[in-house]
């Protein structure tokens, strides 16, 4: 891979990471409701899911799923169902006024934040197809492919991590509005609608 090709890839990944998706929104919602630490746990789960999906894509899972439609459909429906369920749960989350000098109380365990991030990330099978179509454009066929693949995946994860940290840091400032139940309720319903929307969009996806 030439340096020019790598810079082109980096630019493409920056644009992709700047596009809002389920992972970004989940990390943002954790930061607003539970704090920066919870957002970082969610980020770790999302990144682990991305690593697994990207590795599986290059290993040929995406080709298998395209060849066997039932496998892709099963994963797609499972992922969509989880996102819709998450949307319903978020919409129905309780809201209560807290003290002016207090912050919304932590109600989820550390593992729950990590697990939620992982499930949101792993529930998006269309990333398999995207990676299978995207990565080969930047691979030099005459050179060893494993180091190139490692560089592409590492760069993708690094840029995604930077995006998560940026939105988590920025979103934390909104937490001051959550001292009022009305704002908590509005955030819950907005978050729930967006997560459910991602699930519906996933159901309509066709490779």
N, C-alpha and C. Protein backbone atom coordinates (compact mmCIF):
# COMPACT_ATOMS: atom_id res chain seq x y z
N UNK A 1 0.84 -1.19 0.00
CA UNK A 1 0.00 0.00 0.00
C UNK A 1 0.88 1.24 0.00
N UNK A 2 0.63 2.14 -0.93
CA UNK A 2 1.40 3.38 -1.00
C UNK A 2 0.89 4.38 0.02
N UNK A 3 1.73 5.38 0.34
CA UNK A 3 1.33 6.41 1.29
C UNK A 3 0.13 7.19 0.78
N UNK A 4 0.09 7.43 -0.53
CA UNK A 4 -1.04 8.16 -1.12
C UNK A 4 -2.34 7.37 -0.94
N UNK A 5 -2.26 6.06 -1.13
CA UNK A 5 -3.44 5.22 -0.95
C UNK A 5 -3.91 5.23 0.50
N UNK A 6 -2.93 5.21 1.42
CA UNK A 6 -3.29 5.22 2.84
C UNK A 6 -3.98 6.53 3.22
N UNK A 7 -3.48 7.66 2.73
CA UNK A 7 -4.12 8.94 3.04
C UNK A 7 -5.53 9.01 2.48
N UNK A 8 -5.72 8.42 1.32
CA UNK A 8 -7.06 8.36 0.73
C UNK A 8 -7.98 7.52 1.61
N UNK A 9 -7.47 6.40 2.08
CA UNK A 9 -8.24 5.53 2.98
C UNK A 9 -8.57 6.26 4.27
N UNK A 10 -7.58 6.95 4.85
CA UNK A 10 -7.80 7.68 6.09
C UNK A 10 -8.89 8.74 5.94
N UNK A 11 -8.87 9.45 4.82
CA UNK A 11 -9.90 10.45 4.56
C UNK A 11 -11.28 9.83 4.47
N UNK A 12 -11.37 8.68 3.80
CA UNK A 12 -12.66 7.99 3.68
C UNK A 12 -13.17 7.54 5.04
N UNK A 13 -12.28 7.02 5.87
CA UNK A 13 -12.67 6.55 7.19
C UNK A 13 -13.12 7.71 8.07
N UNK A 14 -12.46 8.85 7.96
CA UNK A 14 -12.87 10.03 8.73
C UNK A 14 -14.30 10.43 8.37
N UNK A 15 -14.62 10.39 7.08
CA UNK A 15 -15.98 10.73 6.66
C UNK A 15 -16.99 9.72 7.17
N UNK A 16 -16.62 8.45 7.13
CA UNK A 16 -17.51 7.39 7.61
C UNK A 16 -17.77 7.54 9.10
N UNK A 17 -16.72 7.81 9.87
CA UNK A 17 -16.85 7.93 11.33
C UNK A 17 -17.65 9.16 11.73
N UNK A 18 -17.64 10.18 10.87
CA UNK A 18 -18.39 11.41 11.17
C UNK A 18 -19.87 11.25 10.88
N UNK A 19 -20.25 10.15 10.24
CA UNK A 19 -21.66 9.90 9.94
C UNK A 19 -22.33 9.24 11.13
N UNK A 20 -23.38 9.84 11.70
CA UNK A 20 -24.03 9.26 12.87
C UNK A 20 -24.58 7.86 12.59
N UNK A 21 -24.39 6.98 13.56
CA UNK A 21 -24.89 5.62 13.46
C UNK A 21 -25.23 5.10 14.85
N UNK A 22 -25.68 3.85 14.96
CA UNK A 22 -26.07 3.30 16.26
C UNK A 22 -24.96 3.37 17.30
N UNK A 23 -23.71 3.07 16.90
CA UNK A 23 -22.61 3.08 17.86
C UNK A 23 -22.38 4.47 18.44
N UNK A 24 -22.27 5.46 17.56
CA UNK A 24 -22.06 6.83 18.00
C UNK A 24 -23.18 7.28 18.93
N UNK A 25 -24.40 6.97 18.54
CA UNK A 25 -25.53 7.43 19.35
C UNK A 25 -25.58 6.72 20.68
N UNK A 26 -25.23 5.46 20.72
CA UNK A 26 -25.24 4.73 22.00
C UNK A 26 -24.19 5.32 22.96
N UNK A 27 -22.99 5.56 22.45
CA UNK A 27 -21.95 6.16 23.29
C UNK A 27 -22.39 7.54 23.78
N UNK A 28 -23.00 8.32 22.90
CA UNK A 28 -23.47 9.65 23.28
C UNK A 28 -24.52 9.58 24.38
N UNK A 29 -25.48 8.67 24.24
CA UNK A 29 -26.54 8.55 25.24
C UNK A 29 -25.99 8.09 26.58
N UNK A 30 -24.98 7.20 26.58
CA UNK A 30 -24.37 6.77 27.84
C UNK A 30 -23.68 7.95 28.53
N UNK A 31 -23.02 8.79 27.75
CA UNK A 31 -22.32 9.94 28.31
C UNK A 31 -23.30 10.91 28.96
N UNK A 32 -24.41 11.17 28.27
CA UNK A 32 -25.39 12.12 28.78
C UNK A 32 -26.04 11.61 30.05
N UNK A 33 -26.40 10.34 30.07
CA UNK A 33 -27.17 9.81 31.20
C UNK A 33 -26.30 9.34 32.36
N UNK A 34 -25.12 8.78 32.05
CA UNK A 34 -24.35 8.12 33.11
C UNK A 34 -22.94 8.68 33.31
N UNK A 35 -22.46 9.49 32.38
CA UNK A 35 -21.13 10.07 32.56
C UNK A 35 -20.11 9.56 31.56
N UNK A 36 -18.96 10.22 31.56
CA UNK A 36 -17.91 9.91 30.59
C UNK A 36 -17.36 8.49 30.76
N UNK A 37 -17.22 8.04 32.02
CA UNK A 37 -16.70 6.70 32.26
C UNK A 37 -17.58 5.62 31.64
N UNK A 38 -18.90 5.78 31.80
CA UNK A 38 -19.83 4.81 31.21
C UNK A 38 -19.74 4.83 29.69
N UNK A 39 -19.55 6.03 29.13
CA UNK A 39 -19.42 6.15 27.68
C UNK A 39 -18.18 5.42 27.18
N UNK A 40 -17.09 5.47 27.97
CA UNK A 40 -15.86 4.79 27.56
C UNK A 40 -16.03 3.26 27.63
N UNK A 41 -16.80 2.78 28.59
CA UNK A 41 -17.09 1.35 28.65
C UNK A 41 -17.92 0.92 27.44
N UNK A 42 -18.91 1.75 27.09
CA UNK A 42 -19.72 1.47 25.91
C UNK A 42 -18.86 1.51 24.65
N UNK A 43 -17.93 2.47 24.60
CA UNK A 43 -17.02 2.58 23.47
C UNK A 43 -16.18 1.31 23.32
N UNK A 44 -15.69 0.77 24.45
CA UNK A 44 -14.88 -0.44 24.41
C UNK A 44 -15.68 -1.60 23.82
N UNK A 45 -16.95 -1.71 24.22
CA UNK A 45 -17.80 -2.76 23.66
C UNK A 45 -18.02 -2.59 22.17
N UNK A 46 -18.24 -1.35 21.75
CA UNK A 46 -18.45 -1.06 20.32
C UNK A 46 -17.20 -1.41 19.51
N UNK A 47 -16.04 -1.04 20.04
CA UNK A 47 -14.79 -1.29 19.32
C UNK A 47 -14.49 -2.79 19.22
N UNK A 48 -14.78 -3.53 20.28
CA UNK A 48 -14.58 -4.98 20.23
C UNK A 48 -15.49 -5.59 19.17
N UNK A 49 -16.73 -5.13 19.11
CA UNK A 49 -17.65 -5.64 18.09
C UNK A 49 -17.15 -5.30 16.69
N UNK A 50 -16.65 -4.07 16.51
CA UNK A 50 -16.10 -3.68 15.21
C UNK A 50 -14.91 -4.55 14.83
N UNK A 51 -14.03 -4.82 15.79
CA UNK A 51 -12.87 -5.67 15.51
C UNK A 51 -13.30 -7.05 15.05
N UNK A 52 -14.28 -7.62 15.73
CA UNK A 52 -14.78 -8.96 15.37
C UNK A 52 -15.41 -8.94 13.98
N UNK A 53 -16.24 -7.93 13.71
CA UNK A 53 -16.93 -7.86 12.43
C UNK A 53 -15.94 -7.66 11.28
N UNK A 54 -14.99 -6.75 11.45
CA UNK A 54 -14.03 -6.49 10.39
C UNK A 54 -13.15 -7.71 10.13
N UNK A 55 -12.74 -8.38 11.21
CA UNK A 55 -11.92 -9.58 11.05
C UNK A 55 -12.71 -10.69 10.37
N UNK A 56 -13.97 -10.84 10.78
CA UNK A 56 -14.81 -11.86 10.18
C UNK A 56 -15.06 -11.58 8.71
N UNK A 57 -15.20 -10.30 8.38
CA UNK A 57 -15.44 -9.93 6.99
C UNK A 57 -14.28 -10.34 6.10
N UNK A 58 -13.09 -10.01 6.54
CA UNK A 58 -11.91 -10.35 5.75
C UNK A 58 -11.71 -11.86 5.71
N UNK A 59 -12.12 -12.54 6.77
CA UNK A 59 -11.96 -14.00 6.82
C UNK A 59 -12.95 -14.73 5.93
N UNK A 60 -13.88 -14.00 5.34
CA UNK A 60 -14.78 -14.63 4.39
C UNK A 60 -16.20 -14.83 4.87
N UNK A 61 -16.53 -14.37 6.10
CA UNK A 61 -17.89 -14.56 6.59
C UNK A 61 -18.88 -13.80 5.72
N UNK A 62 -18.48 -12.60 5.28
CA UNK A 62 -19.40 -11.81 4.46
C UNK A 62 -19.73 -12.53 3.16
N UNK A 63 -18.71 -13.15 2.54
CA UNK A 63 -18.95 -13.89 1.31
C UNK A 63 -19.90 -15.05 1.56
N UNK A 64 -19.73 -15.71 2.71
CA UNK A 64 -20.61 -16.83 3.05
C UNK A 64 -22.04 -16.36 3.22
N UNK A 65 -22.22 -15.23 3.91
CA UNK A 65 -23.57 -14.74 4.16
C UNK A 65 -24.26 -14.31 2.88
N UNK A 66 -23.48 -13.76 1.95
CA UNK A 66 -24.06 -13.38 0.67
C UNK A 66 -24.42 -14.62 -0.15
N UNK A 67 -23.62 -15.68 0.01
CA UNK A 67 -23.89 -16.92 -0.72
C UNK A 67 -25.04 -17.70 -0.10
N UNK A 68 -25.20 -17.55 1.21
CA UNK A 68 -26.28 -18.24 1.92
C UNK A 68 -27.21 -17.17 2.52
N UNK A 69 -28.20 -16.72 1.77
CA UNK A 69 -29.07 -15.61 2.21
C UNK A 69 -29.70 -15.83 3.58
N UNK A 70 -30.01 -17.08 3.91
CA UNK A 70 -30.67 -17.35 5.19
C UNK A 70 -29.79 -16.93 6.36
N UNK A 71 -28.46 -17.12 6.24
CA UNK A 71 -27.55 -16.75 7.33
C UNK A 71 -27.55 -15.24 7.53
N UNK A 72 -27.48 -14.50 6.44
CA UNK A 72 -27.49 -13.04 6.55
C UNK A 72 -28.82 -12.56 7.10
N UNK A 73 -29.91 -13.14 6.61
CA UNK A 73 -31.23 -12.72 7.05
C UNK A 73 -31.42 -12.97 8.55
N UNK A 74 -30.92 -14.12 9.03
CA UNK A 74 -31.07 -14.44 10.45
C UNK A 74 -30.33 -13.41 11.31
N UNK A 75 -29.13 -13.06 10.92
CA UNK A 75 -28.35 -12.09 11.69
C UNK A 75 -28.96 -10.70 11.58
N UNK A 76 -29.48 -10.38 10.41
CA UNK A 76 -30.09 -9.06 10.22
C UNK A 76 -31.32 -8.90 11.11
N UNK A 77 -32.18 -9.90 11.14
CA UNK A 77 -33.40 -9.82 11.94
C UNK A 77 -33.07 -9.79 13.43
N UNK A 78 -32.06 -10.57 13.84
CA UNK A 78 -31.67 -10.56 15.25
C UNK A 78 -31.15 -9.18 15.65
N UNK A 79 -30.32 -8.59 14.80
CA UNK A 79 -29.79 -7.27 15.08
C UNK A 79 -30.88 -6.21 15.11
N UNK A 80 -31.78 -6.26 14.15
CA UNK A 80 -32.87 -5.28 14.10
C UNK A 80 -33.76 -5.41 15.33
N UNK A 81 -34.04 -6.66 15.73
CA UNK A 81 -34.88 -6.89 16.90
C UNK A 81 -34.25 -6.31 18.16
N UNK A 82 -32.93 -6.47 18.29
CA UNK A 82 -32.26 -5.92 19.47
C UNK A 82 -32.33 -4.39 19.49
N UNK A 83 -32.09 -3.76 18.35
CA UNK A 83 -32.12 -2.30 18.30
C UNK A 83 -33.53 -1.77 18.59
N UNK A 84 -34.55 -2.44 18.07
CA UNK A 84 -35.92 -2.02 18.34
C UNK A 84 -36.26 -2.23 19.81
N UNK A 85 -35.84 -3.37 20.37
CA UNK A 85 -36.06 -3.62 21.80
C UNK A 85 -35.37 -2.57 22.65
N UNK A 86 -34.12 -2.23 22.28
CA UNK A 86 -33.39 -1.19 23.01
C UNK A 86 -34.13 0.14 22.92
N UNK A 87 -34.70 0.44 21.76
CA UNK A 87 -35.46 1.67 21.59
C UNK A 87 -36.68 1.71 22.49
N UNK A 88 -37.40 0.59 22.58
CA UNK A 88 -38.60 0.52 23.44
C UNK A 88 -38.21 0.68 24.90
N UNK A 89 -37.13 -0.01 25.31
CA UNK A 89 -36.69 0.08 26.70
C UNK A 89 -36.25 1.49 27.05
N UNK A 90 -35.56 2.14 26.13
CA UNK A 90 -35.09 3.52 26.38
C UNK A 90 -36.28 4.47 26.44
N UNK A 91 -37.25 4.30 25.55
CA UNK A 91 -38.45 5.14 25.54
C UNK A 91 -39.18 5.05 26.88
N UNK A 92 -39.24 3.85 27.44
CA UNK A 92 -40.01 3.61 28.66
C UNK A 92 -39.19 3.81 29.93
N UNK A 93 -37.92 4.20 29.80
CA UNK A 93 -37.07 4.38 30.98
C UNK A 93 -37.66 5.42 31.92
N UNK A 94 -37.64 5.18 33.23
CA UNK A 94 -38.23 6.13 34.18
C UNK A 94 -37.46 7.43 34.25
N UNK A 95 -38.15 8.50 34.62
CA UNK A 95 -37.53 9.81 34.78
C UNK A 95 -37.99 10.40 36.10
N UNK A 96 -37.07 11.06 36.81
CA UNK A 96 -37.42 11.66 38.10
C UNK A 96 -36.54 12.87 38.35
N UNK A 97 -37.11 13.87 38.99
CA UNK A 97 -36.33 15.06 39.35
C UNK A 97 -35.25 14.70 40.36
N UNK A 98 -34.07 15.33 40.22
CA UNK A 98 -32.99 15.15 41.19
C UNK A 98 -32.61 16.52 41.70
N UNK A 99 -31.81 16.55 42.72
CA UNK A 99 -31.41 17.81 43.31
C UNK A 99 -30.63 18.67 42.34
N UNK A 100 -30.67 19.98 42.56
CA UNK A 100 -29.98 20.90 41.66
C UNK A 100 -28.49 20.64 41.63
N UNK A 101 -27.93 20.23 42.79
CA UNK A 101 -26.49 20.01 42.86
C UNK A 101 -26.12 18.55 42.63
N UNK A 102 -27.12 17.75 42.33
CA UNK A 102 -26.86 16.33 42.08
C UNK A 102 -26.80 16.07 40.59
N UNK A 103 -26.44 14.86 40.24
CA UNK A 103 -26.47 14.43 38.85
C UNK A 103 -27.32 13.19 38.77
N UNK A 104 -27.83 12.84 37.58
CA UNK A 104 -28.65 11.65 37.45
C UNK A 104 -27.91 10.43 38.02
N UNK A 105 -28.59 9.64 38.85
CA UNK A 105 -27.94 8.54 39.56
C UNK A 105 -27.66 7.37 38.63
N UNK A 106 -26.47 6.79 38.80
CA UNK A 106 -26.08 5.63 38.01
C UNK A 106 -26.97 4.45 38.36
N UNK A 107 -27.56 3.82 37.38
CA UNK A 107 -28.45 2.69 37.63
C UNK A 107 -28.03 1.44 36.86
N UNK A 108 -26.98 1.53 36.07
CA UNK A 108 -26.54 0.38 35.29
C UNK A 108 -25.11 0.02 35.68
N UNK A 109 -24.80 -1.26 35.65
CA UNK A 109 -23.46 -1.71 36.02
C UNK A 109 -22.47 -1.39 34.91
N UNK A 110 -21.20 -1.47 35.26
CA UNK A 110 -20.16 -1.24 34.26
C UNK A 110 -20.25 -2.25 33.13
N UNK A 111 -20.49 -3.50 33.51
CA UNK A 111 -20.60 -4.53 32.48
C UNK A 111 -21.79 -4.28 31.56
N UNK A 112 -22.87 -3.73 32.12
CA UNK A 112 -24.06 -3.46 31.31
C UNK A 112 -23.74 -2.43 30.22
N UNK A 113 -22.95 -1.42 30.55
CA UNK A 113 -22.57 -0.43 29.54
C UNK A 113 -21.71 -1.08 28.44
N UNK A 114 -20.73 -1.89 28.88
CA UNK A 114 -19.87 -2.58 27.91
C UNK A 114 -20.68 -3.53 27.04
N UNK A 115 -21.54 -4.32 27.69
CA UNK A 115 -22.37 -5.28 26.96
C UNK A 115 -23.29 -4.59 25.97
N UNK A 116 -23.89 -3.47 26.41
CA UNK A 116 -24.78 -2.74 25.51
C UNK A 116 -24.05 -2.23 24.28
N UNK A 117 -22.85 -1.67 24.48
CA UNK A 117 -22.06 -1.21 23.34
C UNK A 117 -21.70 -2.34 22.40
N UNK A 118 -21.34 -3.49 22.97
CA UNK A 118 -20.98 -4.63 22.14
C UNK A 118 -22.17 -5.12 21.34
N UNK A 119 -23.33 -5.23 21.98
CA UNK A 119 -24.52 -5.73 21.28
C UNK A 119 -24.99 -4.77 20.19
N UNK A 120 -24.90 -3.47 20.46
CA UNK A 120 -25.27 -2.50 19.43
C UNK A 120 -24.32 -2.62 18.24
N UNK A 121 -23.02 -2.76 18.53
CA UNK A 121 -22.05 -2.86 17.45
C UNK A 121 -22.15 -4.15 16.65
N UNK A 122 -22.36 -5.26 17.35
CA UNK A 122 -22.37 -6.56 16.69
C UNK A 122 -23.68 -6.82 15.96
N UNK A 123 -24.71 -6.00 16.24
CA UNK A 123 -26.04 -6.24 15.66
C UNK A 123 -26.21 -5.59 14.29
N UNK A 124 -25.11 -5.17 13.68
CA UNK A 124 -25.20 -4.50 12.38
C UNK A 124 -24.48 -5.32 11.31
N UNK A 125 -25.12 -6.34 10.74
CA UNK A 125 -24.46 -7.22 9.78
C UNK A 125 -24.09 -6.54 8.48
N UNK A 126 -24.71 -5.40 8.13
CA UNK A 126 -24.36 -4.77 6.86
C UNK A 126 -22.93 -4.24 6.86
N UNK A 127 -22.31 -4.11 8.07
CA UNK A 127 -20.91 -3.71 8.12
C UNK A 127 -20.02 -4.80 7.53
N UNK A 128 -20.46 -6.05 7.63
CA UNK A 128 -19.72 -7.15 7.01
C UNK A 128 -19.60 -6.94 5.50
N UNK A 129 -20.72 -6.63 4.88
CA UNK A 129 -20.74 -6.41 3.44
C UNK A 129 -19.96 -5.16 3.08
N UNK A 130 -20.10 -4.11 3.88
CA UNK A 130 -19.38 -2.87 3.64
C UNK A 130 -17.87 -3.11 3.67
N UNK A 131 -17.39 -3.81 4.70
CA UNK A 131 -15.96 -4.05 4.83
C UNK A 131 -15.43 -4.89 3.67
N UNK A 132 -16.21 -5.89 3.27
CA UNK A 132 -15.77 -6.75 2.16
C UNK A 132 -15.64 -5.98 0.86
N UNK A 133 -16.47 -4.95 0.68
CA UNK A 133 -16.42 -4.15 -0.55
C UNK A 133 -15.44 -2.99 -0.43
N UNK A 134 -15.20 -2.51 0.80
CA UNK A 134 -14.40 -1.30 1.01
C UNK A 134 -12.91 -1.59 1.10
N UNK A 135 -12.51 -2.57 1.88
CA UNK A 135 -11.10 -2.84 2.12
C UNK A 135 -10.31 -3.22 0.86
N UNK A 136 -10.84 -4.10 0.00
CA UNK A 136 -10.05 -4.51 -1.18
C UNK A 136 -9.61 -3.36 -2.07
N UNK A 137 -10.32 -2.22 -2.03
CA UNK A 137 -9.95 -1.09 -2.87
C UNK A 137 -8.62 -0.48 -2.46
N UNK A 138 -8.16 -0.75 -1.23
CA UNK A 138 -6.94 -0.13 -0.72
C UNK A 138 -5.82 -1.15 -0.49
N UNK A 139 -6.05 -2.37 -0.92
CA UNK A 139 -5.06 -3.43 -0.75
C UNK A 139 -4.24 -3.59 -2.03
N UNK A 140 -2.93 -3.63 -1.88
CA UNK A 140 -2.04 -3.91 -3.01
C UNK A 140 -1.91 -5.42 -3.14
N UNK A 141 -2.40 -5.99 -4.22
CA UNK A 141 -2.45 -7.44 -4.36
C UNK A 141 -1.07 -8.09 -4.43
N UNK A 142 -0.09 -7.34 -4.91
CA UNK A 142 1.24 -7.91 -5.06
C UNK A 142 2.03 -7.93 -3.76
N UNK A 143 1.51 -7.29 -2.72
CA UNK A 143 2.19 -7.23 -1.42
C UNK A 143 1.47 -8.12 -0.43
N UNK A 144 2.16 -8.55 0.66
CA UNK A 144 1.51 -9.37 1.68
C UNK A 144 0.25 -8.69 2.20
N UNK A 145 -0.85 -9.41 2.23
CA UNK A 145 -2.12 -8.76 2.56
C UNK A 145 -2.38 -8.66 4.05
N UNK A 146 -1.79 -9.55 4.85
CA UNK A 146 -2.06 -9.52 6.29
C UNK A 146 -1.59 -8.21 6.94
N UNK A 147 -0.35 -7.73 6.69
CA UNK A 147 0.04 -6.44 7.28
C UNK A 147 -0.84 -5.29 6.80
N UNK A 148 -1.24 -5.33 5.54
CA UNK A 148 -2.10 -4.27 5.03
C UNK A 148 -3.46 -4.31 5.71
N UNK A 149 -4.01 -5.49 5.86
CA UNK A 149 -5.29 -5.64 6.55
C UNK A 149 -5.19 -5.13 7.98
N UNK A 150 -4.09 -5.50 8.66
CA UNK A 150 -3.90 -5.04 10.04
C UNK A 150 -3.87 -3.53 10.14
N UNK A 151 -3.20 -2.88 9.18
CA UNK A 151 -3.11 -1.43 9.18
C UNK A 151 -4.48 -0.79 8.93
N UNK A 152 -5.23 -1.35 8.00
CA UNK A 152 -6.56 -0.80 7.69
C UNK A 152 -7.50 -0.92 8.89
N UNK A 153 -7.50 -2.08 9.52
CA UNK A 153 -8.38 -2.29 10.68
C UNK A 153 -7.96 -1.40 11.85
N UNK A 154 -6.65 -1.34 12.12
CA UNK A 154 -6.16 -0.51 13.22
C UNK A 154 -6.51 0.96 13.01
N UNK A 155 -6.37 1.41 11.78
CA UNK A 155 -6.72 2.80 11.47
C UNK A 155 -8.20 3.05 11.66
N UNK A 156 -9.01 2.13 11.19
CA UNK A 156 -10.47 2.26 11.33
C UNK A 156 -10.85 2.35 12.80
N UNK A 157 -10.30 1.46 13.63
CA UNK A 157 -10.64 1.45 15.05
C UNK A 157 -10.14 2.71 15.75
N UNK A 158 -8.96 3.19 15.37
CA UNK A 158 -8.40 4.39 15.98
C UNK A 158 -9.27 5.61 15.69
N UNK A 159 -9.69 5.74 14.43
CA UNK A 159 -10.54 6.88 14.06
C UNK A 159 -11.89 6.79 14.75
N UNK A 160 -12.46 5.58 14.80
CA UNK A 160 -13.73 5.40 15.50
C UNK A 160 -13.61 5.76 16.97
N UNK A 161 -12.52 5.34 17.62
CA UNK A 161 -12.31 5.65 19.03
C UNK A 161 -12.23 7.15 19.25
N UNK A 162 -11.53 7.85 18.38
CA UNK A 162 -11.43 9.31 18.49
C UNK A 162 -12.81 9.96 18.35
N UNK A 163 -13.62 9.42 17.44
CA UNK A 163 -14.98 9.96 17.26
C UNK A 163 -15.82 9.73 18.51
N UNK A 164 -15.71 8.54 19.11
CA UNK A 164 -16.48 8.23 20.31
C UNK A 164 -16.08 9.15 21.47
N UNK A 165 -14.77 9.33 21.66
CA UNK A 165 -14.29 10.18 22.75
C UNK A 165 -14.77 11.62 22.54
N UNK A 166 -14.73 12.08 21.30
CA UNK A 166 -15.16 13.45 20.99
C UNK A 166 -16.62 13.67 21.32
N UNK A 167 -17.49 12.77 20.86
CA UNK A 167 -18.93 12.95 21.12
C UNK A 167 -19.26 12.75 22.58
N UNK A 168 -18.55 11.83 23.26
CA UNK A 168 -18.81 11.60 24.68
C UNK A 168 -18.43 12.83 25.50
N UNK A 169 -17.31 13.45 25.15
CA UNK A 169 -16.87 14.65 25.86
C UNK A 169 -17.83 15.81 25.63
N UNK A 170 -18.27 15.95 24.40
CA UNK A 170 -19.17 17.06 24.05
C UNK A 170 -20.55 16.86 24.66
N UNK A 171 -21.03 15.63 24.63
CA UNK A 171 -22.40 15.35 25.09
C UNK A 171 -22.55 15.47 26.59
N UNK A 172 -21.46 15.29 27.33
CA UNK A 172 -21.56 15.32 28.79
C UNK A 172 -22.10 16.66 29.27
N UNK A 173 -21.87 17.73 28.53
CA UNK A 173 -22.36 19.03 28.93
C UNK A 173 -23.86 19.12 28.98
N UNK A 174 -24.54 18.22 28.26
CA UNK A 174 -26.01 18.23 28.26
C UNK A 174 -26.60 17.63 29.52
N UNK A 175 -25.76 16.96 30.33
CA UNK A 175 -26.30 16.25 31.49
C UNK A 175 -26.93 17.20 32.50
N UNK A 176 -26.56 18.47 32.49
CA UNK A 176 -27.14 19.41 33.46
C UNK A 176 -28.64 19.57 33.27
N UNK A 177 -29.12 19.29 32.05
CA UNK A 177 -30.56 19.41 31.82
C UNK A 177 -31.33 18.25 32.43
N UNK A 178 -30.62 17.18 32.77
CA UNK A 178 -31.30 15.98 33.25
C UNK A 178 -31.69 16.07 34.73
N UNK A 179 -31.45 17.21 35.37
CA UNK A 179 -31.93 17.36 36.74
C UNK A 179 -33.45 17.48 36.75
N UNK A 180 -34.05 17.73 35.60
CA UNK A 180 -35.50 17.85 35.50
C UNK A 180 -36.06 16.62 34.78
N UNK A 181 -37.10 16.06 35.37
CA UNK A 181 -37.69 14.85 34.81
C UNK A 181 -38.19 15.06 33.39
N UNK A 182 -38.68 16.26 33.08
CA UNK A 182 -39.22 16.52 31.75
C UNK A 182 -38.14 16.36 30.69
N UNK A 183 -36.92 16.83 31.00
CA UNK A 183 -35.83 16.69 30.03
C UNK A 183 -35.36 15.24 29.94
N UNK A 184 -35.36 14.53 31.06
CA UNK A 184 -35.01 13.11 31.03
C UNK A 184 -35.98 12.35 30.13
N UNK A 185 -37.26 12.67 30.30
CA UNK A 185 -38.29 11.98 29.51
C UNK A 185 -38.14 12.28 28.02
N UNK A 186 -37.85 13.54 27.69
CA UNK A 186 -37.65 13.91 26.29
C UNK A 186 -36.45 13.20 25.69
N UNK A 187 -35.36 13.14 26.46
CA UNK A 187 -34.16 12.45 25.98
C UNK A 187 -34.43 10.98 25.78
N UNK A 188 -35.13 10.36 26.75
CA UNK A 188 -35.45 8.94 26.63
C UNK A 188 -36.26 8.65 25.37
N UNK A 189 -37.24 9.50 25.11
CA UNK A 189 -38.10 9.25 23.95
C UNK A 189 -37.37 9.52 22.64
N UNK A 190 -36.54 10.56 22.61
CA UNK A 190 -35.75 10.82 21.41
C UNK A 190 -34.78 9.67 21.16
N UNK A 191 -34.09 9.24 22.23
CA UNK A 191 -33.14 8.13 22.09
C UNK A 191 -33.84 6.86 21.65
N UNK A 192 -34.98 6.57 22.28
CA UNK A 192 -35.72 5.37 21.92
C UNK A 192 -36.17 5.38 20.48
N UNK A 193 -36.65 6.54 20.01
CA UNK A 193 -37.10 6.64 18.62
C UNK A 193 -35.95 6.43 17.65
N UNK A 194 -34.78 6.96 17.97
CA UNK A 194 -33.63 6.83 17.08
C UNK A 194 -33.14 5.39 17.03
N UNK A 195 -33.03 4.74 18.20
CA UNK A 195 -32.59 3.34 18.20
C UNK A 195 -33.58 2.46 17.42
N UNK A 196 -34.88 2.67 17.64
CA UNK A 196 -35.87 1.89 16.91
C UNK A 196 -35.80 2.19 15.42
N UNK A 197 -35.51 3.45 15.07
CA UNK A 197 -35.37 3.83 13.67
C UNK A 197 -34.22 3.10 13.00
N UNK A 198 -33.10 2.97 13.74
CA UNK A 198 -31.97 2.21 13.20
C UNK A 198 -32.37 0.75 12.97
N UNK A 199 -33.15 0.20 13.89
CA UNK A 199 -33.59 -1.18 13.73
C UNK A 199 -34.47 -1.37 12.52
N UNK A 200 -35.40 -0.44 12.30
CA UNK A 200 -36.29 -0.51 11.13
C UNK A 200 -35.48 -0.36 9.85
N UNK A 201 -34.50 0.56 9.87
CA UNK A 201 -33.66 0.76 8.68
C UNK A 201 -32.87 -0.51 8.36
N UNK A 202 -32.42 -1.22 9.41
CA UNK A 202 -31.69 -2.45 9.20
C UNK A 202 -32.57 -3.52 8.58
N UNK A 203 -33.85 -3.56 8.96
CA UNK A 203 -34.78 -4.53 8.39
C UNK A 203 -34.95 -4.30 6.87
N UNK A 204 -34.85 -3.05 6.45
CA UNK A 204 -35.06 -2.71 5.05
C UNK A 204 -33.79 -2.84 4.22
N UNK A 205 -32.66 -3.11 4.87
CA UNK A 205 -31.40 -3.18 4.14
C UNK A 205 -31.34 -4.42 3.27
N UNK A 206 -30.88 -4.23 2.04
CA UNK A 206 -30.67 -5.35 1.10
C UNK A 206 -29.28 -5.23 0.49
N UNK A 207 -28.42 -6.28 0.63
CA UNK A 207 -27.07 -6.19 0.06
C UNK A 207 -27.09 -6.22 -1.45
